[in-house]
Structures are given as structure tokens and as C-alpha cells.
Amino acid sequence: MPPDRAPDRVGPLRVGIGGPVGSGKTALVAALCRLLAGRFETAVITNDIYTKEDAEALLRLGVMPPERVVAVETGCCPHTAIRDDVAGGDKVPRKGGPGISRSDLLVINKIDLAPMVGADLRVMARDAAAQRGERPTLFTSLVSEDGARPVAAFIEGNL
């Protein structure tokens, strides 16, 4: 079941898609592009340190036209402030940061790996709620595109 609407949202919808390398950010973006195609006008701005690798991956997957994908090379690590991957450990939500505390939806991916890395999803849920207040958190696994459906439903419900 998708999370509720974002509370007291003003301005554009923000969905926190952040985390360390390999956490599933590009996979989520690709799945969302496929799921929302034809119903919404979407565009993607990727950022990476010195490459355009994420944008190129989305273009290779053919999830949207090339004119709707822009790559920004930041020159610094965009992954240091937001860490939402289960494999990073269950302490991640309580450490905060703007992606965790201010995004309209926090997506915690790779929950299927939690038992393998000793991460307690109940601890993550408790800490995310303490950091986020009423803002929803979605626990998912993008092993298949079905893991992105609740995120797409959240986006659709908030547009």
C-alpha cells in the first residue's frame, strides 16, 4: 500500500532519491520513468562527480527521450549527505540530513538485504519517524519493477 499524501506540501513534489553508490537510485528513476510514462511530463536531472554515467544508463534503457535527460557533473560527491540504503546499516535514518528529514517521501531500498547485513528494519522505521515526523517513509526492494509501484503511486497521488 502506498504511503499517504505528503503533509503540508508547498511547491514542487520532492522525492528523496539519494544514497551511496549501488543503493538503487538509477534503478528507481528508470522504473518510475517507465511506470509514469504517457501520463505525466517528466524529466530527469542526474548528478555525479565527474561522469554522466547515470544519464547514459537511463538513455541506454530508453526510459525517456534524450532531450528530457540532463546530466550534471558536480565535481564533488553527491552521496555524502543522503544515505538511504539498507546495506549502509540501520543507523542511517537517525543520522538525519536534508534528504532524510525534508523530502516528501523517503525511500529505503534493498530491504531484502537487511538480514544479510544485520540491519533492523524496525529500528530504521522508528528512527526515520523520529527524524521525519509525519512525512512518510517507504521500505521497498527494487529487485523487480514492482518495488517502484508504491513510489509511483505516491507521486501520482501528490500531483
C-alpha atoms as a PDB file:
ATOM      1  CA  MET A   1       0.000   0.000   0.000  1.00  0.00           C
ATOM      2  CA  PRO A   2       1.468   3.397  -0.963  1.00  0.00           C
ATOM      3  CA  PRO A   3       2.178   5.992   1.701  1.00  0.00           C
ATOM      4  CA  ASP A   4      -0.272   8.825   2.239  1.00  0.00           C
ATOM      5  CA  ARG A   5      -0.027  12.255   0.693  1.00  0.00           C
ATOM      6  CA  ALA A   6       2.867  14.456   1.693  1.00  0.00           C
ATOM      7  CA  PRO A   7       1.777  16.703   4.584  1.00  0.00           C
ATOM      8  CA  ASP A   8       1.644  20.464   4.039  1.00  0.00           C
ATOM      9  CA  ARG A   9       3.460  20.361   0.713  1.00  0.00           C
ATOM     10  CA  VAL A  10       4.053  23.693  -0.970  1.00  0.00           C
ATOM     11  CA  GLY A  11       5.772  23.922  -4.352  1.00  0.00           C
ATOM     12  CA  PRO A  12       7.157  21.050  -6.387  1.00  0.00           C
ATOM     13  CA  LEU A  13       6.991  17.467  -5.204  1.00  0.00           C
ATOM     14  CA  ARG A  14      10.351  16.295  -3.876  1.00  0.00           C
ATOM     15  CA  VAL A  15      11.122  12.604  -3.590  1.00  0.00           C
ATOM     16  CA  GLY A  16      14.436  11.840  -1.905  1.00  0.00           C
ATOM     17  CA  ILE A  17      16.390   9.575  -4.234  1.00  0.00           C
ATOM     18  CA  GLY A  18      19.811   9.528  -2.694  1.00  0.00           C
ATOM     19  CA  GLY A  19      22.291   7.165  -1.211  1.00  0.00           C
ATOM     20  CA  PRO A  20      25.703   5.682  -1.769  1.00  0.00           C
ATOM     21  CA  VAL A  21      26.869   4.088  -4.982  1.00  0.00           C
ATOM     22  CA  GLY A  22      24.877   0.927  -5.645  1.00  0.00           C
ATOM     23  CA  SER A  23      21.879   1.805  -3.488  1.00  0.00           C
ATOM     24  CA  GLY A  24      19.444   1.692  -6.427  1.00  0.00           C
ATOM     25  CA  LYS A  25      18.915   5.366  -7.306  1.00  0.00           C
ATOM     26  CA  THR A  26      19.194   4.920 -11.075  1.00  0.00           C
ATOM     27  CA  ALA A  27      17.111   1.726 -10.974  1.00  0.00           C
ATOM     28  CA  LEU A  28      14.347   3.604  -9.144  1.00  0.00           C
ATOM     29  CA  VAL A  29      14.438   6.515 -11.590  1.00  0.00           C
ATOM     30  CA  ALA A  30      14.283   4.131 -14.559  1.00  0.00           C
ATOM     31  CA  ALA A  31      11.356   2.205 -13.057  1.00  0.00           C
ATOM     32  CA  LEU A  32       9.486   5.422 -12.259  1.00  0.00           C
ATOM     33  CA  CYS A  33      10.020   6.716 -15.791  1.00  0.00           C
ATOM     34  CA  ARG A  34       8.507   3.510 -17.167  1.00  0.00           C
ATOM     35  CA  LEU A  35       5.592   3.495 -14.717  1.00  0.00           C
ATOM     36  CA  LEU A  36       4.702   7.179 -15.199  1.00  0.00           C
ATOM     37  CA  ALA A  37       5.306   7.339 -18.965  1.00  0.00           C
ATOM     38  CA  GLY A  38       2.455   8.697 -21.019  1.00  0.00           C
ATOM     39  CA  ARG A  39       0.597  10.135 -18.032  1.00  0.00           C
ATOM     40  CA  PHE A  40       2.979  12.856 -16.886  1.00  0.00           C
ATOM     41  CA  GLU A  41       5.613  15.072 -18.439  1.00  0.00           C
ATOM     42  CA  THR A  42       8.774  14.058 -16.675  1.00  0.00           C
ATOM     43  CA  ALA A  43      12.414  14.982 -16.953  1.00  0.00           C
ATOM     44  CA  VAL A  44      15.484  13.700 -15.156  1.00  0.00           C
ATOM     45  CA  ILE A  45      18.495  15.648 -13.944  1.00  0.00           C
ATOM     46  CA  THR A  46      21.243  13.313 -12.797  1.00  0.00           C
ATOM     47  CA  ASN A  47      24.302  14.341 -10.849  1.00  0.00           C
ATOM     48  CA  ASP A  48      27.570  12.568 -10.421  1.00  0.00           C
ATOM     49  CA  ILE A  49      31.105  13.508  -9.506  1.00  0.00           C
ATOM     50  CA  TYR A  50      32.932  13.524 -12.846  1.00  0.00           C
ATOM     51  CA  THR A  51      30.822  11.465 -15.234  1.00  0.00           C
ATOM     52  CA  LYS A  52      27.479  11.364 -16.983  1.00  0.00           C
ATOM     53  CA  GLU A  53      27.159   7.649 -16.280  1.00  0.00           C
ATOM     54  CA  ASP A  54      23.690   7.728 -14.680  1.00  0.00           C
ATOM     55  CA  ALA A  55      22.209   9.786 -17.519  1.00  0.00           C
ATOM     56  CA  GLU A  56      23.841   7.491 -20.060  1.00  0.00           C
ATOM     57  CA  ALA A  57      22.389   4.451 -18.280  1.00  0.00           C
ATOM     58  CA  LEU A  58      18.878   5.938 -18.444  1.00  0.00           C
ATOM     59  CA  LEU A  59      19.343   6.717 -22.133  1.00  0.00           C
ATOM     60  CA  ARG A  60      20.569   3.163 -22.831  1.00  0.00           C
ATOM     61  CA  LEU A  61      17.474   1.815 -21.078  1.00  0.00           C
ATOM     62  CA  GLY A  62      15.298   4.010 -23.312  1.00  0.00           C
ATOM     63  CA  VAL A  63      13.066   5.130 -20.433  1.00  0.00           C
ATOM     64  CA  MET A  64      12.629   8.662 -21.819  1.00  0.00           C
ATOM     65  CA  PRO A  65      13.666  10.773 -24.807  1.00  0.00           C
ATOM     66  CA  PRO A  66      17.224  12.151 -24.753  1.00  0.00           C
ATOM     67  CA  GLU A  67      16.021  15.751 -24.637  1.00  0.00           C
ATOM     68  CA  ARG A  68      14.360  15.005 -21.266  1.00  0.00           C
ATOM     69  CA  VAL A  69      17.562  13.748 -19.580  1.00  0.00           C
ATOM     70  CA  VAL A  70      20.261  16.154 -18.396  1.00  0.00           C
ATOM     71  CA  ALA A  71      23.497  15.152 -16.682  1.00  0.00           C
ATOM     72  CA  VAL A  72      25.213  17.488 -14.230  1.00  0.00           C
ATOM     73  CA  GLU A  73      28.794  16.791 -13.205  1.00  0.00           C
ATOM     74  CA  THR A  74      29.008  18.181  -9.669  1.00  0.00           C
ATOM     75  CA  GLY A  75      32.751  17.900  -9.104  1.00  0.00           C
ATOM     76  CA  CYS A  76      32.049  16.638  -5.581  1.00  0.00           C
ATOM     77  CA  CYS A  77      30.458  13.592  -4.069  1.00  0.00           C
ATOM     78  CA  PRO A  78      26.647  13.925  -4.065  1.00  0.00           C
ATOM     79  CA  HIS A  79      26.326  10.810  -1.898  1.00  0.00           C
ATOM     80  CA  THR A  80      27.748  12.132   1.351  1.00  0.00           C
ATOM     81  CA  ALA A  81      24.701  13.903   2.785  1.00  0.00           C
ATOM     82  CA  ILE A  82      21.980  11.368   1.982  1.00  0.00           C
ATOM     83  CA  ARG A  83      22.327   7.701   2.762  1.00  0.00           C
ATOM     84  CA  ASP A  84      19.157   5.672   2.477  1.00  0.00           C
ATOM     85  CA  ASP A  85      20.419   2.227   1.542  1.00  0.00           C
ATOM     86  CA  VAL A  86      19.709  -0.640   3.959  1.00  0.00           C
ATOM     87  CA  ALA A  87      23.162  -2.094   3.317  1.00  0.00           C
ATOM     88  CA  GLY A  88      24.602   1.053   4.903  1.00  0.00           C
ATOM     89  CA  GLY A  89      23.236  -0.101   8.242  1.00  0.00           C
ATOM     90  CA  ASP A  90      20.198   0.628  10.383  1.00  0.00           C
ATOM     91  CA  LYS A  91      21.771   3.771  11.910  1.00  0.00           C
ATOM     92  CA  VAL A  92      21.375   5.747   8.672  1.00  0.00           C
ATOM     93  CA  PRO A  93      17.922   7.323   9.291  1.00  0.00           C
ATOM     94  CA  ARG A  94      18.783   8.637  12.739  1.00  0.00           C
ATOM     95  CA  LYS A  95      21.834  10.443  11.360  1.00  0.00           C
ATOM     96  CA  GLY A  96      19.489  12.789   9.502  1.00  0.00           C
ATOM     97  CA  GLY A  97      20.407  15.109   6.679  1.00  0.00           C
ATOM     98  CA  PRO A  98      18.121  17.036   4.331  1.00  0.00           C
ATOM     99  CA  GLY A  99      17.120  14.022   2.228  1.00  0.00           C
ATOM    100  CA  ILE A 100      16.013  12.143   5.299  1.00  0.00           C
ATOM    101  CA  SER A 101      14.350  14.971   7.193  1.00  0.00           C
ATOM    102  CA  ARG A 102      12.882  17.182   4.432  1.00  0.00           C
ATOM    103  CA  SER A 103      11.927  15.025   1.464  1.00  0.00           C
ATOM    104  CA  ASP A 104       8.229  14.445   0.945  1.00  0.00           C
ATOM    105  CA  LEU A 105       8.931  10.716   0.691  1.00  0.00           C
ATOM    106  CA  LEU A 106      11.961   8.826   1.966  1.00  0.00           C
ATOM    107  CA  VAL A 107      12.585   5.600   0.078  1.00  0.00           C
ATOM    108  CA  ILE A 108      14.606   2.962   1.881  1.00  0.00           C
ATOM    109  CA  ASN A 109      15.646   0.441  -0.739  1.00  0.00           C
ATOM    110  CA  LYS A 110      17.114  -3.060  -0.663  1.00  0.00           C
ATOM    111  CA  ILE A 111      15.154  -4.268   2.351  1.00  0.00           C
ATOM    112  CA  ASP A 112      15.784  -7.778   1.060  1.00  0.00           C
ATOM    113  CA  LEU A 113      19.419  -7.332   2.155  1.00  0.00           C
ATOM    114  CA  ALA A 114      18.618  -6.360   5.753  1.00  0.00           C
ATOM    115  CA  PRO A 115      19.114  -9.849   7.247  1.00  0.00           C
ATOM    116  CA  MET A 116      22.424 -10.247   5.403  1.00  0.00           C
ATOM    117  CA  VAL A 117      23.942  -7.046   6.803  1.00  0.00           C
ATOM    118  CA  GLY A 118      22.373  -7.181  10.258  1.00  0.00           C
ATOM    119  CA  ALA A 119      20.140  -4.136   9.684  1.00  0.00           C
ATOM    120  CA  ASP A 120      16.961  -3.999  11.753  1.00  0.00           C
ATOM    121  CA  LEU A 121      14.143  -2.503   9.666  1.00  0.00           C
ATOM    122  CA  ARG A 122      12.137  -1.756  12.827  1.00  0.00           C
ATOM    123  CA  VAL A 123      14.988   0.415  14.083  1.00  0.00           C
ATOM    124  CA  MET A 124      15.147   2.166  10.722  1.00  0.00           C
ATOM    125  CA  ALA A 125      11.373   2.785  10.758  1.00  0.00           C
ATOM    126  CA  ARG A 126      11.497   4.150  14.310  1.00  0.00           C
ATOM    127  CA  ASP A 127      14.440   6.435  13.592  1.00  0.00           C
ATOM    128  CA  ALA A 128      13.021   7.632  10.278  1.00  0.00           C
ATOM    129  CA  ALA A 129       9.743   8.539  12.018  1.00  0.00           C
ATOM    130  CA  ALA A 130      11.655  10.456  14.698  1.00  0.00           C
ATOM    131  CA  GLN A 131      13.574  12.417  12.042  1.00  0.00           C
ATOM    132  CA  ARG A 132      10.672  12.931   9.641  1.00  0.00           C
ATOM    133  CA  GLY A 133       7.624  13.464  11.825  1.00  0.00           C
ATOM    134  CA  GLU A 134       4.544  12.925   9.653  1.00  0.00           C
ATOM    135  CA  ARG A 135       6.470  12.686   6.387  1.00  0.00           C
ATOM    136  CA  PRO A 136       6.164   9.143   5.008  1.00  0.00           C
ATOM    137  CA  THR A 137       8.898   6.547   4.611  1.00  0.00           C
ATOM    138  CA  LEU A 138       8.594   3.700   2.141  1.00  0.00           C
ATOM    139  CA  PHE A 139      10.503   0.453   2.598  1.00  0.00           C
ATOM    140  CA  THR A 140      10.966  -1.396  -0.679  1.00  0.00           C
ATOM    141  CA  SER A 141      13.208  -3.545  -2.814  1.00  0.00           C
ATOM    142  CA  LEU A 142      13.896  -2.686  -6.426  1.00  0.00           C
ATOM    143  CA  VAL A 143      14.902  -6.222  -7.289  1.00  0.00           C
ATOM    144  CA  SER A 144      11.879  -6.024  -9.595  1.00  0.00           C
ATOM    145  CA  GLU A 145       9.983  -3.047 -11.017  1.00  0.00           C
ATOM    146  CA  ASP A 146       7.107  -3.860  -8.645  1.00  0.00           C
ATOM    147  CA  GLY A 147       9.196  -2.300  -5.867  1.00  0.00           C
ATOM    148  CA  ALA A 148       8.790   1.083  -7.583  1.00  0.00           C
ATOM    149  CA  ARG A 149       4.977   0.904  -7.862  1.00  0.00           C
ATOM    150  CA  PRO A 150       4.307   2.375  -4.379  1.00  0.00           C
ATOM    151  CA  VAL A 151       6.687   5.246  -5.164  1.00  0.00           C
ATOM    152  CA  ALA A 152       4.889   5.895  -8.458  1.00  0.00           C
ATOM    153  CA  ALA A 153       1.534   5.789  -6.614  1.00  0.00           C
ATOM    154  CA  PHE A 154       2.838   8.355  -4.121  1.00  0.00           C
ATOM    155  CA  ILE A 155       3.949  10.645  -6.939  1.00  0.00           C
ATOM    156  CA  GLU A 156       0.619  10.272  -8.763  1.00  0.00           C
ATOM    157  CA  GLY A 157      -1.315  10.977  -5.556  1.00  0.00           C
ATOM    158  CA  ASN A 158       0.637  14.169  -4.967  1.00  0.00           C
ATOM    159  CA  LEU A 159       0.496  15.710  -8.436  1.00  0.00           C
END
